[in-house]
Structure formats: C-alpha cells, structure tokens
C-alpha cells in the first residue's frame, strides 16, 4: 500500500529524530524512511537527518552540529518508534533543543488522525 500525499496550503516542517549511532544502518534507514513516508502522507514537509549532506563516516560532532541546525529550521519534531529504548545522546540533545526552542512534537495520534482524513491508493 502506498500513501497519496495530502495537499496542504502551508506545510508544517517536521524534523525526524531517532537513534542512529550503535544501530545497524539498514534498521536506522528503515525507521527514518517509514517515518518520512507517513509524515509526508499526513501533509507534513519533512527534514531527515540521514540526508544532512555529510558523509556517513563524518564525526558524531559534525553530524550533531548539522542536525541541530536543520532541526532549528523546523516547526515540529517527530520521534521514530522505540526511540526511548536506546541510550542516544543525539536524540536527547535534539529533544532538549526542541523543548528549549518551542519546537512541538508531532504525536502518533495526530498523524493517524491526519492519515484517516486522507485518500489511500493500493
């Protein structure tokens, strides 16, 4: 099943946050890509830190600096599933940035509500 993108006049920009370091990269990509697809289908514009323009092997500090800069340009934040299971300095830093700068969380219930209003394609 694929999702037809919901059309909105003014799309809210959502930063996708989740643990990356210490996990198999294919699992990380799967989590972030699924979140991005659902958020786009719900009518949000997404910012995915996996597409931050840095090489994967760049330092953790370089990735965090770029990712936080990207996050600060967003209106909302979405945490990938099971994000609390991992001890991830990056996710907790992104959470603190969001709390301190007024970036509000897109909760799963809100996203599902938006998707329920959407059309589906098979």
N, C-alpha and C. Protein backbone atom coordinates (compact mmCIF):
# COMPACT_ATOMS: atom_id res chain seq x y z
N UNK A 1 0.85 -1.18 0.00
CA UNK A 1 0.00 0.00 0.00
C UNK A 1 0.90 1.24 0.00
N UNK A 2 0.55 2.19 -0.78
CA UNK A 2 1.29 3.46 -0.79
C UNK A 2 0.37 4.56 -0.31
N UNK A 3 0.96 5.63 0.09
CA UNK A 3 0.20 6.76 0.60
C UNK A 3 0.19 7.87 -0.44
N UNK A 4 -0.97 8.45 -0.66
CA UNK A 4 -1.07 9.61 -1.53
C UNK A 4 -0.81 10.83 -0.66
N UNK A 5 0.11 11.66 -1.08
CA UNK A 5 0.47 12.83 -0.30
C UNK A 5 -0.71 13.77 -0.12
N UNK A 6 -0.93 14.18 1.10
CA UNK A 6 -2.01 15.11 1.42
C UNK A 6 -1.59 16.51 1.00
N UNK A 7 -2.45 17.21 0.35
CA UNK A 7 -2.16 18.56 -0.10
C UNK A 7 -2.54 19.57 0.98
N UNK A 8 -1.62 20.44 1.30
CA UNK A 8 -1.86 21.49 2.29
C UNK A 8 -1.37 22.80 1.70
N UNK A 9 -2.04 23.88 2.05
CA UNK A 9 -1.58 25.19 1.58
C UNK A 9 -0.26 25.58 2.22
N UNK A 10 -0.19 25.45 3.52
CA UNK A 10 1.07 25.79 4.20
C UNK A 10 1.52 24.55 4.98
N UNK A 11 2.55 23.91 4.48
CA UNK A 11 3.02 22.68 5.10
C UNK A 11 3.93 22.99 6.29
N UNK A 12 3.70 22.28 7.34
CA UNK A 12 4.49 22.39 8.55
C UNK A 12 5.76 21.56 8.36
N UNK A 13 6.91 22.11 8.73
CA UNK A 13 8.18 21.43 8.55
C UNK A 13 8.48 20.61 9.81
N UNK A 14 8.70 19.30 9.64
CA UNK A 14 8.91 18.39 10.76
C UNK A 14 10.28 17.74 10.68
N UNK A 15 11.03 17.86 11.77
CA UNK A 15 12.34 17.21 11.89
C UNK A 15 12.13 15.80 12.42
N UNK A 16 12.75 14.82 11.78
CA UNK A 16 12.64 13.42 12.22
C UNK A 16 13.83 13.11 13.12
N UNK A 17 13.54 12.67 14.34
CA UNK A 17 14.58 12.37 15.32
C UNK A 17 14.52 10.91 15.72
N UNK A 18 15.68 10.33 15.93
CA UNK A 18 15.75 8.95 16.38
C UNK A 18 17.20 8.52 16.55
N UNK A 19 17.40 7.40 17.26
CA UNK A 19 18.77 6.92 17.47
C UNK A 19 19.39 6.43 16.17
N UNK A 20 20.63 6.80 15.96
CA UNK A 20 21.35 6.39 14.75
C UNK A 20 22.60 5.61 15.13
N UNK A 21 23.45 6.18 15.97
CA UNK A 21 24.71 5.54 16.35
C UNK A 21 24.46 4.23 17.10
N UNK A 22 25.30 3.25 16.80
CA UNK A 22 25.24 1.98 17.52
C UNK A 22 24.17 1.02 17.04
N UNK A 23 23.45 1.38 15.98
CA UNK A 23 22.41 0.51 15.43
C UNK A 23 22.80 0.12 14.00
N UNK A 24 22.34 -1.05 13.55
CA UNK A 24 22.59 -1.40 12.15
C UNK A 24 21.99 -0.33 11.23
N UNK A 25 22.79 0.12 10.27
CA UNK A 25 22.35 1.25 9.45
C UNK A 25 21.08 0.93 8.68
N UNK A 26 20.88 -0.31 8.24
CA UNK A 26 19.67 -0.66 7.49
C UNK A 26 18.43 -0.48 8.36
N UNK A 27 18.54 -0.75 9.68
CA UNK A 27 17.39 -0.55 10.58
C UNK A 27 17.11 0.93 10.77
N UNK A 28 18.18 1.70 10.88
CA UNK A 28 18.04 3.15 11.02
C UNK A 28 17.34 3.71 9.79
N UNK A 29 17.82 3.33 8.61
CA UNK A 29 17.21 3.81 7.36
C UNK A 29 15.75 3.41 7.28
N UNK A 30 15.43 2.19 7.67
CA UNK A 30 14.05 1.72 7.62
C UNK A 30 13.16 2.56 8.53
N UNK A 31 13.61 2.81 9.76
CA UNK A 31 12.81 3.62 10.70
C UNK A 31 12.60 5.04 10.18
N UNK A 32 13.65 5.68 9.72
CA UNK A 32 13.56 7.07 9.27
C UNK A 32 12.75 7.18 7.97
N UNK A 33 12.95 6.23 7.05
CA UNK A 33 12.19 6.28 5.78
C UNK A 33 10.70 6.05 6.01
N UNK A 34 10.35 5.12 6.91
CA UNK A 34 8.93 4.89 7.22
C UNK A 34 8.31 6.14 7.84
N UNK A 35 9.03 6.74 8.78
CA UNK A 35 8.52 7.96 9.42
C UNK A 35 8.33 9.06 8.39
N UNK A 36 9.30 9.22 7.50
CA UNK A 36 9.22 10.26 6.47
C UNK A 36 8.03 10.02 5.54
N UNK A 37 7.82 8.78 5.13
CA UNK A 37 6.70 8.47 4.25
C UNK A 37 5.36 8.77 4.92
N UNK A 38 5.21 8.38 6.17
CA UNK A 38 3.95 8.63 6.89
C UNK A 38 3.72 10.12 7.12
N UNK A 39 4.76 10.82 7.51
CA UNK A 39 4.62 12.27 7.75
C UNK A 39 4.26 13.00 6.46
N UNK A 40 4.90 12.64 5.36
CA UNK A 40 4.58 13.26 4.07
C UNK A 40 3.14 12.97 3.67
N UNK A 41 2.72 11.73 3.88
CA UNK A 41 1.34 11.35 3.55
C UNK A 41 0.35 12.12 4.40
N UNK A 42 0.74 12.47 5.63
CA UNK A 42 -0.13 13.22 6.53
C UNK A 42 -0.11 14.72 6.24
N UNK A 43 0.67 15.14 5.25
CA UNK A 43 0.67 16.53 4.85
C UNK A 43 1.79 17.37 5.42
N UNK A 44 2.78 16.72 6.04
CA UNK A 44 3.91 17.45 6.60
C UNK A 44 5.07 17.48 5.61
N UNK A 45 5.84 18.53 5.65
CA UNK A 45 7.12 18.59 4.95
C UNK A 45 8.15 18.05 5.93
N UNK A 46 9.05 17.17 5.49
CA UNK A 46 9.97 16.52 6.43
C UNK A 46 11.43 16.94 6.23
N UNK A 47 12.16 16.88 7.34
CA UNK A 47 13.60 17.10 7.33
C UNK A 47 14.21 15.85 7.96
N UNK A 48 14.93 15.10 7.15
CA UNK A 48 15.50 13.82 7.57
C UNK A 48 17.00 13.99 7.78
N UNK A 49 17.51 13.78 9.02
CA UNK A 49 18.93 13.97 9.27
C UNK A 49 19.82 12.98 8.53
N UNK A 50 19.26 11.90 8.02
CA UNK A 50 20.07 10.98 7.21
C UNK A 50 20.45 11.62 5.88
N UNK A 51 19.78 12.72 5.56
CA UNK A 51 20.08 13.45 4.32
C UNK A 51 20.67 14.82 4.65
N UNK A 52 21.60 14.85 5.60
CA UNK A 52 22.16 16.13 6.03
C UNK A 52 23.33 16.60 5.18
N UNK A 53 23.70 15.84 4.16
CA UNK A 53 24.76 16.25 3.25
C UNK A 53 26.16 15.85 3.68
N UNK A 54 26.31 15.29 4.88
CA UNK A 54 27.62 14.85 5.35
C UNK A 54 27.83 13.38 5.02
N UNK A 55 29.09 12.98 4.81
CA UNK A 55 29.35 11.55 4.61
C UNK A 55 29.02 10.78 5.89
N UNK A 56 28.58 9.55 5.74
CA UNK A 56 28.18 8.76 6.89
C UNK A 56 29.30 8.64 7.92
N UNK A 57 30.54 8.59 7.46
CA UNK A 57 31.66 8.40 8.39
C UNK A 57 32.19 9.71 8.98
N UNK A 58 31.50 10.82 8.77
CA UNK A 58 31.90 12.09 9.42
C UNK A 58 31.75 11.92 10.94
N UNK A 59 32.41 12.76 11.68
CA UNK A 59 32.38 12.63 13.15
C UNK A 59 30.98 12.85 13.70
N UNK A 60 30.75 12.27 14.87
CA UNK A 60 29.46 12.43 15.55
C UNK A 60 29.20 13.91 15.80
N UNK A 61 30.23 14.65 16.21
CA UNK A 61 30.08 16.08 16.47
C UNK A 61 29.66 16.84 15.22
N UNK A 62 30.27 16.51 14.09
CA UNK A 62 29.92 17.18 12.84
C UNK A 62 28.45 16.90 12.48
N UNK A 63 28.03 15.65 12.64
CA UNK A 63 26.63 15.30 12.36
C UNK A 63 25.69 16.04 13.30
N UNK A 64 26.02 16.09 14.58
CA UNK A 64 25.14 16.75 15.54
C UNK A 64 25.02 18.25 15.24
N UNK A 65 26.12 18.90 14.91
CA UNK A 65 26.07 20.33 14.58
C UNK A 65 25.15 20.58 13.38
N UNK A 66 25.31 19.76 12.35
CA UNK A 66 24.48 19.92 11.15
C UNK A 66 23.02 19.60 11.46
N UNK A 67 22.79 18.51 12.21
CA UNK A 67 21.42 18.09 12.51
C UNK A 67 20.68 19.10 13.37
N UNK A 68 21.36 19.66 14.36
CA UNK A 68 20.70 20.65 15.22
C UNK A 68 20.39 21.92 14.44
N UNK A 69 21.28 22.29 13.53
CA UNK A 69 21.00 23.44 12.66
C UNK A 69 19.75 23.17 11.82
N UNK A 70 19.65 21.95 11.29
CA UNK A 70 18.47 21.58 10.50
C UNK A 70 17.22 21.57 11.37
N UNK A 71 17.34 21.04 12.57
CA UNK A 71 16.19 20.98 13.49
C UNK A 71 15.67 22.37 13.82
N UNK A 72 16.57 23.31 14.04
CA UNK A 72 16.16 24.66 14.42
C UNK A 72 15.38 25.38 13.31
N UNK A 73 15.46 24.88 12.09
CA UNK A 73 14.70 25.44 10.99
C UNK A 73 13.31 24.82 10.84
N UNK A 74 12.96 23.95 11.79
CA UNK A 74 11.68 23.24 11.71
C UNK A 74 10.66 23.78 12.71
N UNK A 75 9.39 23.48 12.43
CA UNK A 75 8.30 23.88 13.31
C UNK A 75 7.96 22.81 14.33
N UNK A 76 8.17 21.55 13.96
CA UNK A 76 7.76 20.41 14.78
C UNK A 76 8.86 19.36 14.77
N UNK A 77 8.73 18.36 15.65
CA UNK A 77 9.67 17.24 15.70
C UNK A 77 8.87 15.95 15.84
N UNK A 78 9.36 14.90 15.20
CA UNK A 78 8.73 13.58 15.30
C UNK A 78 9.81 12.59 15.70
N UNK A 79 9.52 11.77 16.71
CA UNK A 79 10.46 10.77 17.17
C UNK A 79 10.08 9.41 16.58
N UNK A 80 11.06 8.73 15.97
CA UNK A 80 10.79 7.42 15.37
C UNK A 80 10.40 6.44 16.47
N UNK A 81 9.74 5.37 16.05
CA UNK A 81 9.27 4.38 17.01
C UNK A 81 10.42 3.84 17.86
N UNK A 82 10.13 3.53 19.06
CA UNK A 82 11.07 2.94 20.02
C UNK A 82 12.27 3.82 20.35
N UNK A 83 12.14 5.12 20.17
CA UNK A 83 13.29 5.99 20.39
C UNK A 83 13.75 5.99 21.84
N UNK A 84 12.87 5.72 22.78
CA UNK A 84 13.26 5.74 24.19
C UNK A 84 14.03 4.49 24.60
N UNK A 85 14.00 3.45 23.78
CA UNK A 85 14.71 2.20 24.11
C UNK A 85 16.22 2.33 24.02
N UNK A 86 16.67 3.30 23.27
CA UNK A 86 18.09 3.44 23.02
C UNK A 86 18.66 4.59 23.85
N UNK A 87 19.86 4.38 24.38
CA UNK A 87 20.55 5.47 25.06
C UNK A 87 21.30 6.23 23.98
N UNK A 88 20.66 7.29 23.49
CA UNK A 88 21.20 8.06 22.38
C UNK A 88 21.39 9.51 22.80
N UNK A 89 22.63 9.92 22.90
CA UNK A 89 22.93 11.30 23.25
C UNK A 89 22.32 12.24 22.22
N UNK A 90 22.38 11.85 20.95
CA UNK A 90 21.86 12.68 19.87
C UNK A 90 20.37 12.95 20.01
N UNK A 91 19.60 11.89 20.26
CA UNK A 91 18.14 12.07 20.39
C UNK A 91 17.81 12.95 21.58
N UNK A 92 18.46 12.72 22.69
CA UNK A 92 18.16 13.53 23.89
C UNK A 92 18.58 14.98 23.70
N UNK A 93 19.68 15.19 22.96
CA UNK A 93 20.10 16.57 22.65
C UNK A 93 19.05 17.23 21.75
N UNK A 94 18.57 16.51 20.75
CA UNK A 94 17.53 17.06 19.86
C UNK A 94 16.25 17.34 20.64
N UNK A 95 15.94 16.49 21.60
CA UNK A 95 14.76 16.70 22.44
C UNK A 95 14.91 17.97 23.28
N UNK A 96 16.09 18.17 23.86
CA UNK A 96 16.34 19.39 24.65
C UNK A 96 16.26 20.64 23.78
N UNK A 97 16.83 20.57 22.58
CA UNK A 97 16.75 21.71 21.66
C UNK A 97 15.29 22.01 21.36
N UNK A 98 14.51 20.98 21.10
CA UNK A 98 13.08 21.18 20.79
C UNK A 98 12.36 21.83 21.97
N UNK A 99 12.58 21.31 23.15
CA UNK A 99 11.93 21.86 24.34
C UNK A 99 12.33 23.31 24.60
N UNK A 100 13.59 23.62 24.40
CA UNK A 100 14.10 24.98 24.68
C UNK A 100 13.72 26.00 23.61
N UNK A 101 13.41 25.52 22.41
CA UNK A 101 13.13 26.45 21.31
C UNK A 101 11.66 26.46 20.90
N UNK A 102 10.84 25.71 21.60
CA UNK A 102 9.40 25.72 21.30
C UNK A 102 9.00 24.87 20.11
N UNK A 103 9.86 23.94 19.70
CA UNK A 103 9.52 23.02 18.62
C UNK A 103 8.66 21.93 19.23
N UNK A 104 7.40 21.84 18.81
CA UNK A 104 6.48 20.90 19.43
C UNK A 104 6.49 19.55 18.72
N UNK A 105 6.12 18.53 19.46
CA UNK A 105 6.16 17.16 18.97
C UNK A 105 4.91 16.82 18.15
N UNK A 106 5.12 16.11 17.06
CA UNK A 106 4.02 15.52 16.30
C UNK A 106 3.81 14.16 16.95
N UNK A 107 2.67 13.99 17.57
CA UNK A 107 2.37 12.72 18.22
C UNK A 107 1.71 11.77 17.23
N UNK A 108 1.89 10.49 17.49
CA UNK A 108 1.35 9.47 16.59
C UNK A 108 -0.16 9.63 16.39
N UNK A 109 -0.88 9.98 17.45
CA UNK A 109 -2.33 10.14 17.36
C UNK A 109 -2.70 11.24 16.36
N UNK A 110 -1.96 12.34 16.38
CA UNK A 110 -2.21 13.43 15.44
C UNK A 110 -1.94 12.99 14.00
N UNK A 111 -0.84 12.26 13.80
CA UNK A 111 -0.50 11.80 12.46
C UNK A 111 -1.55 10.82 11.95
N UNK A 112 -2.00 9.90 12.80
CA UNK A 112 -3.02 8.93 12.39
C UNK A 112 -4.33 9.62 12.05
N UNK A 113 -4.67 10.66 12.81
CA UNK A 113 -5.88 11.43 12.53
C UNK A 113 -5.79 12.08 11.16
N UNK A 114 -4.62 12.66 10.85
CA UNK A 114 -4.44 13.28 9.54
C UNK A 114 -4.50 12.24 8.43
N UNK A 115 -3.92 11.06 8.67
CA UNK A 115 -3.94 10.00 7.67
C UNK A 115 -5.34 9.47 7.44
N UNK A 116 -6.14 9.43 8.50
CA UNK A 116 -7.53 8.95 8.38
C UNK A 116 -8.35 9.86 7.47
N UNK A 117 -7.99 11.14 7.42
CA UNK A 117 -8.68 12.10 6.56
C UNK A 117 -8.20 12.02 5.11
N UNK A 118 -7.17 11.23 4.88
CA UNK A 118 -6.53 11.16 3.58
C UNK A 118 -7.14 10.09 2.68
N UNK A 119 -6.83 10.15 1.40
CA UNK A 119 -7.22 9.11 0.45
C UNK A 119 -6.11 8.08 0.37
N UNK A 120 -6.47 6.82 0.18
CA UNK A 120 -5.49 5.74 0.09
C UNK A 120 -5.46 5.20 -1.33
N UNK A 121 -4.27 4.75 -1.75
CA UNK A 121 -4.10 4.09 -3.03
C UNK A 121 -3.58 2.69 -2.77
N UNK A 122 -4.00 1.72 -3.57
CA UNK A 122 -3.46 0.36 -3.46
C UNK A 122 -2.43 0.13 -4.53
